[in-house]
Protein backbone atom coordinates (compact mmCIF):
# COMPACT_ATOMS: atom_id res chain seq x y z
CA GLN A 1 16.25 -2.99 -10.89
CA VAL A 2 12.61 -2.97 -9.83
CA GLN A 3 10.02 -0.31 -10.57
CA LEU A 4 6.80 0.18 -8.65
CA VAL A 5 3.77 1.96 -10.06
CA GLU A 6 0.92 2.86 -7.75
CA SER A 7 -2.59 3.76 -8.82
CA GLY A 8 -6.05 4.22 -7.38
CA GLY A 9 -5.66 7.31 -5.25
CA GLY A 10 -8.02 10.25 -5.43
CA LEU A 11 -10.63 12.32 -3.65
CA VAL A 12 -13.44 10.59 -1.78
CA GLN A 13 -15.99 11.59 0.80
CA ALA A 14 -15.84 10.28 4.34
CA GLY A 15 -17.38 6.83 4.51
CA GLY A 16 -16.39 6.04 0.96
CA SER A 17 -13.99 3.48 -0.46
CA LEU A 18 -10.90 3.36 -2.62
CA ARG A 19 -8.71 0.55 -3.89
CA LEU A 20 -5.01 1.13 -4.33
CA SER A 21 -2.84 -1.00 -6.58
CA CYS A 22 0.91 -1.29 -6.86
CA ALA A 23 2.48 -3.23 -9.70
CA ALA A 24 6.13 -4.24 -9.63
CA SER A 25 8.13 -4.70 -12.81
CA GLY A 26 11.74 -5.34 -13.77
CA THR A 27 14.12 -8.11 -12.85
CA ILE A 28 12.17 -9.94 -10.18
CA PHE A 29 12.88 -13.45 -8.99
CA GLY A 30 10.14 -13.31 -6.44
CA ILE A 31 8.74 -10.86 -3.93
CA ASN A 32 8.91 -11.48 -0.23
CA HIS A 33 7.35 -8.74 1.81
CA MET A 34 4.84 -6.21 0.41
CA ALA A 35 3.42 -3.27 2.30
CA TRP A 36 1.64 0.04 2.18
CA TYR A 37 2.84 3.06 4.12
CA ARG A 38 1.36 6.53 4.33
CA GLN A 39 2.57 9.99 5.17
CA ALA A 40 0.23 12.78 6.14
CA PRO A 41 1.32 16.44 5.99
CA GLY A 42 3.63 17.25 8.87
CA LYS A 43 3.78 13.67 10.06
CA GLN A 44 6.21 10.79 9.76
CA ARG A 45 5.68 7.96 7.35
CA GLU A 46 3.85 5.09 9.02
CA LEU A 47 3.09 1.48 8.19
CA VAL A 48 -0.53 0.94 7.18
CA ALA A 49 -0.57 -2.75 6.25
CA ALA A 50 1.82 -5.50 5.27
CA ILE A 51 1.58 -8.96 3.75
CA SER A 52 4.25 -11.64 3.75
CA SER A 53 5.06 -14.16 1.04
CA GLY A 54 2.98 -16.62 3.06
CA ASP A 55 0.01 -14.22 3.06
CA ARG A 56 0.31 -13.31 6.70
CA THR A 57 -1.00 -9.80 7.22
CA ASN A 58 -0.68 -7.11 9.82
CA TYR A 59 -2.35 -3.73 10.10
CA ALA A 60 -1.98 -0.48 11.94
CA ASP A 61 -4.53 -0.28 14.73
CA SER A 62 -6.06 2.79 13.11
CA VAL A 63 -7.11 0.85 10.00
CA LYS A 64 -7.99 -2.58 11.38
CA GLY A 65 -11.42 -3.67 10.24
CA ARG A 66 -11.54 -1.03 7.50
CA PHE A 67 -8.56 -1.78 5.23
CA THR A 68 -7.60 -5.06 3.59
CA ILE A 69 -4.25 -5.82 1.99
CA SER A 70 -3.91 -8.56 -0.61
CA ARG A 71 -1.45 -9.64 -3.29
CA ASP A 72 -1.42 -11.33 -6.68
CA ASN A 73 1.92 -13.04 -7.07
CA ALA A 74 1.34 -13.86 -10.73
CA LYS A 75 1.04 -10.13 -11.43
CA ASN A 76 3.61 -8.96 -8.84
CA THR A 77 0.89 -6.67 -7.54
CA VAL A 78 -0.27 -5.65 -4.09
CA TYR A 79 -3.64 -4.08 -3.34
CA LEU A 80 -5.10 -2.06 -0.52
CA GLN A 81 -8.87 -2.00 -0.24
CA MET A 82 -9.86 0.95 1.91
CA ASN A 83 -13.41 1.15 3.24
CA SER A 84 -15.15 3.49 5.65
CA LEU A 85 -12.56 6.14 4.92
CA LYS A 86 -12.07 8.97 7.39
CA PRO A 87 -10.56 12.45 6.92
CA GLU A 88 -7.60 11.32 9.04
CA ASP A 89 -6.77 8.73 6.36
CA THR A 90 -5.77 11.60 4.08
CA ALA A 91 -2.13 11.07 3.11
CA VAL A 92 0.24 10.07 0.37
CA TYR A 93 0.27 6.28 0.24
CA TYR A 94 3.48 4.49 -0.70
CA CYS A 95 4.00 0.95 -1.81
CA ASN A 96 7.02 -0.96 -0.50
CA VAL A 97 8.30 -4.36 -1.58
CA GLN A 98 11.21 -6.52 -0.59
CA VAL A 99 12.48 -8.94 -3.21
CA PHE A 100 14.04 -12.34 -2.76
CA ILE A 101 17.70 -13.06 -3.57
CA SER A 102 19.01 -9.52 -3.05
CA GLY A 103 16.72 -8.71 -0.15
CA MET A 104 16.52 -5.13 -1.37
CA ASP A 105 13.61 -2.82 -0.60
CA TYR A 106 11.93 -0.70 -3.22
CA TRP A 107 9.50 2.19 -2.91
CA GLY A 108 6.87 3.62 -5.20
CA LYS A 109 6.52 7.35 -5.78
CA GLY A 110 3.26 7.52 -3.88
CA THR A 111 -0.39 8.16 -4.62
CA LEU A 112 -2.45 10.83 -2.90
CA VAL A 113 -5.61 9.89 -1.03
CA THR A 114 -7.80 12.77 0.13
CA VAL A 115 -10.86 12.13 2.27
CA SER A 116 -13.25 15.05 2.64
CA SER A 117 -15.56 15.45 5.63
């Protein structure tokens, strides 16, 4: 079993920055894919950014140039640096990881990011 704990959410003014962290713990033999998703009120959950085990990244068009995803394999942790935040970035942000061996996906409980105008 794998547990994910997110942190770093909060209230920030437009133009500000936040850094989200997601630490995985439990029986882990290695993490393949790591990603951040978000869900705004009344909208579907959407992929924000993802990073592979080989450090290849991809981003939603809406965050390219503003957000940066990174990972620390020694700590089983993924980060999301969010700069130049906009009110439309307001959402609950969820961490997602896929582990090796079982190939199972795990989700965090989410952390709220609120950007005021």
